[in-house]
Structure formats: C-alpha cells, structure tokens
Protein backbone atom coordinates (compact mmCIF):
# COMPACT_ATOMS: atom_id res chain seq x y z
CA UNK A 1 -0.05 0.02 0.04
CA UNK A 2 2.77 2.32 0.92
CA UNK A 3 4.60 1.62 -2.40
CA UNK A 4 1.49 2.45 -4.43
CA UNK A 5 1.11 5.78 -2.57
CA UNK A 6 4.72 6.72 -3.29
CA UNK A 7 4.20 5.72 -6.99
CA UNK A 8 1.07 7.85 -7.23
CA UNK A 9 2.98 10.81 -5.79
CA UNK A 10 5.93 10.42 -7.98
CA UNK A 11 3.53 10.13 -10.97
CA UNK A 12 1.73 13.37 -9.96
CA UNK A 13 4.96 14.98 -9.65
CA UNK A 14 6.27 14.13 -12.91
CA UNK A 15 3.08 15.17 -14.73
CA UNK A 16 2.97 18.51 -12.75
CA UNK A 17 6.63 19.34 -13.81
CA UNK A 18 5.99 18.22 -17.55
CA UNK A 19 2.90 20.30 -17.87
CA UNK A 20 4.49 23.39 -16.51
CA UNK A 21 7.55 22.97 -18.56
CA UNK A 22 5.73 23.59 -22.03
CA UNK A 23 5.41 27.31 -22.81
CA UNK A 24 3.00 28.63 -25.36
CA UNK A 25 4.82 30.16 -28.45
CA UNK A 26 3.00 33.09 -30.22
CA UNK A 27 3.73 35.61 -32.81
CA UNK A 28 4.32 38.13 -29.91
CA UNK A 29 7.22 35.98 -28.69
CA UNK A 30 9.25 37.31 -31.80
CA UNK A 31 8.21 40.91 -31.71
CA UNK A 32 11.57 42.12 -29.95
CA UNK A 33 13.78 40.06 -32.14
CA UNK A 34 15.47 41.62 -35.21
CA UNK A 35 14.47 38.78 -37.71
CA UNK A 36 16.41 40.59 -40.53
CA UNK A 37 19.73 39.87 -38.63
CA UNK A 38 22.16 37.76 -40.63
CA UNK A 39 21.59 33.92 -39.68
CA UNK A 40 18.00 34.32 -38.82
CA UNK A 41 16.56 33.74 -42.18
CA UNK A 42 15.12 30.54 -41.44
CA UNK A 43 13.41 31.90 -38.15
CA UNK A 44 11.99 34.71 -40.23
CA UNK A 45 10.56 32.50 -42.69
CA UNK A 46 8.99 30.14 -39.95
CA UNK A 47 7.50 33.06 -38.29
CA UNK A 48 5.95 34.39 -41.47
CA UNK A 49 4.53 30.93 -42.08
CA UNK A 50 2.97 30.97 -38.54
CA UNK A 51 5.01 27.96 -37.51
CA UNK A 52 6.11 29.47 -34.18
CA UNK A 53 7.10 26.38 -32.15
CA UNK A 54 9.48 25.45 -35.17
CA UNK A 55 10.68 28.98 -35.36
CA UNK A 56 11.44 29.00 -31.62
CA UNK A 57 13.32 25.76 -31.98
CA UNK A 58 15.31 27.20 -34.90
CA UNK A 59 16.19 30.20 -32.87
CA UNK A 60 17.33 28.02 -29.98
CA UNK A 61 19.57 26.12 -32.44
CA UNK A 62 20.92 29.34 -33.93
CA UNK A 63 22.16 30.48 -30.50
CA UNK A 64 23.45 27.07 -29.46
CA UNK A 65 25.48 26.72 -32.67
CA UNK A 66 26.63 30.41 -32.68
CA UNK A 67 30.31 31.05 -32.33
CA UNK A 68 31.30 32.05 -28.71
CA UNK A 69 33.63 34.60 -29.94
CA UNK A 70 32.23 38.14 -30.49
CA UNK A 71 32.19 39.54 -33.99
CA UNK A 72 33.34 43.21 -33.80
CA UNK A 73 33.82 43.56 -37.52
CA UNK A 74 30.79 45.63 -38.12
CA UNK A 75 31.07 47.66 -34.95
CA UNK A 76 34.08 49.63 -35.72
CA UNK A 77 34.16 52.54 -37.77
CA UNK A 78 37.14 53.22 -40.08
CA UNK A 79 39.12 56.38 -38.95
CA UNK A 80 41.44 58.54 -40.63
CA UNK A 81 44.76 58.28 -38.90
CA UNK A 82 46.18 61.54 -40.16
CA UNK A 83 43.16 63.53 -38.69
CA UNK A 84 43.77 65.51 -35.42
CA UNK A 85 42.13 63.97 -32.41
CA UNK A 86 39.37 65.97 -30.49
CA UNK A 87 40.44 67.87 -27.48
CA UNK A 88 37.93 66.16 -25.43
CA UNK A 89 38.97 62.60 -26.63
CA UNK A 90 42.60 63.48 -25.96
CA UNK A 91 41.96 64.71 -22.50
CA UNK A 92 39.89 61.46 -21.66
CA UNK A 93 42.83 59.23 -23.06
CA UNK A 94 45.33 61.28 -21.12
CA UNK A 95 43.34 60.88 -17.88
CA UNK A 96 42.87 57.12 -18.50
CA UNK A 97 46.68 56.68 -18.84
CA UNK A 98 46.76 58.17 -15.29
CA UNK A 99 44.17 55.85 -14.08
CA UNK A 100 41.72 58.65 -13.51
CA UNK A 101 38.11 58.20 -14.84
CA UNK A 102 35.10 60.54 -15.16
CA UNK A 103 31.98 58.41 -15.33
CA UNK A 104 29.85 61.48 -16.04
CA UNK A 105 30.39 65.28 -16.60
CA UNK A 106 28.69 66.09 -13.32
CA UNK A 107 31.01 63.78 -11.32
CA UNK A 108 34.71 64.54 -10.42
CA UNK A 109 37.38 62.18 -11.52
CA UNK A 110 37.75 58.79 -9.77
CA UNK A 111 41.11 57.34 -9.49
CA UNK A 112 41.67 53.57 -9.33
CA UNK A 113 42.75 53.88 -5.60
CA UNK A 114 39.37 55.55 -4.78
CA UNK A 115 37.41 53.04 -6.75
CA UNK A 116 39.12 49.92 -5.15
CA UNK A 117 38.91 51.31 -1.74
CA UNK A 118 35.31 52.38 -2.04
CA UNK A 119 36.13 56.09 -1.23
CA UNK A 120 34.18 57.70 -4.00
CA UNK A 121 33.95 61.11 -2.22
CA UNK A 122 30.20 60.81 -1.08
C-alpha cells in the first residue's frame, strides 16, 4: 500500500513538472527580435509561415551553434589616422593613462585607488 502511494505521488509530480515545462509560443514572442539579422533567415520564414514552435526551436539552435567569440567586424568605424584627435577625446585618453576616470560630466574624476577602496567622495 505504501509503495502504491509513493508511486502515485511520483507520477503526479512528473505530470506536474512536465505540464508546466511547456510554454506557449506565439507571434508576439518574436516581436523584440530583429529577424532581419544575418543568420536568422530560417526563423523569419517560419514566423512568416505561422509555425512559431518551429521558429522557436530554430532560434534556439541558432544560439546554441553560434560562435562563442564576439564579432566586432561591423562595430568599428574606419578612422582617418592623419586627422587630429578631438580635445575632449585626447583629455579622456590622457586621464585614463593616469588611471583617472570621469563616469559623468557632473562627477569629479575617480582614481583607481578611490574605486578599489570604495572612497568615491560621497
């Protein structure tokens, strides 16, 4: 009798976990995702076809198979090295070389010693 009771409790627990593990995937699930991003063509096609569970599975596969290394190739602008550096950029670079950082124009400069000791002047 006791074994039957444990078996029923275990069965109810498994059914409960499995029923809550499934989530409904709708068109709204993809609203915040840029489906025009390179590599998401299959996801975009499945969303357009209304096959949302398959689109979610394809999106998951995309992120699982995606390279772990970041791609900064499109993030950098080409610069002209012969152009003079802006004064504010030069000042920020000079301060950084002295380990002085200004997080916001309204704040003073923070040195690494003040940051590491927690003495931010407040």
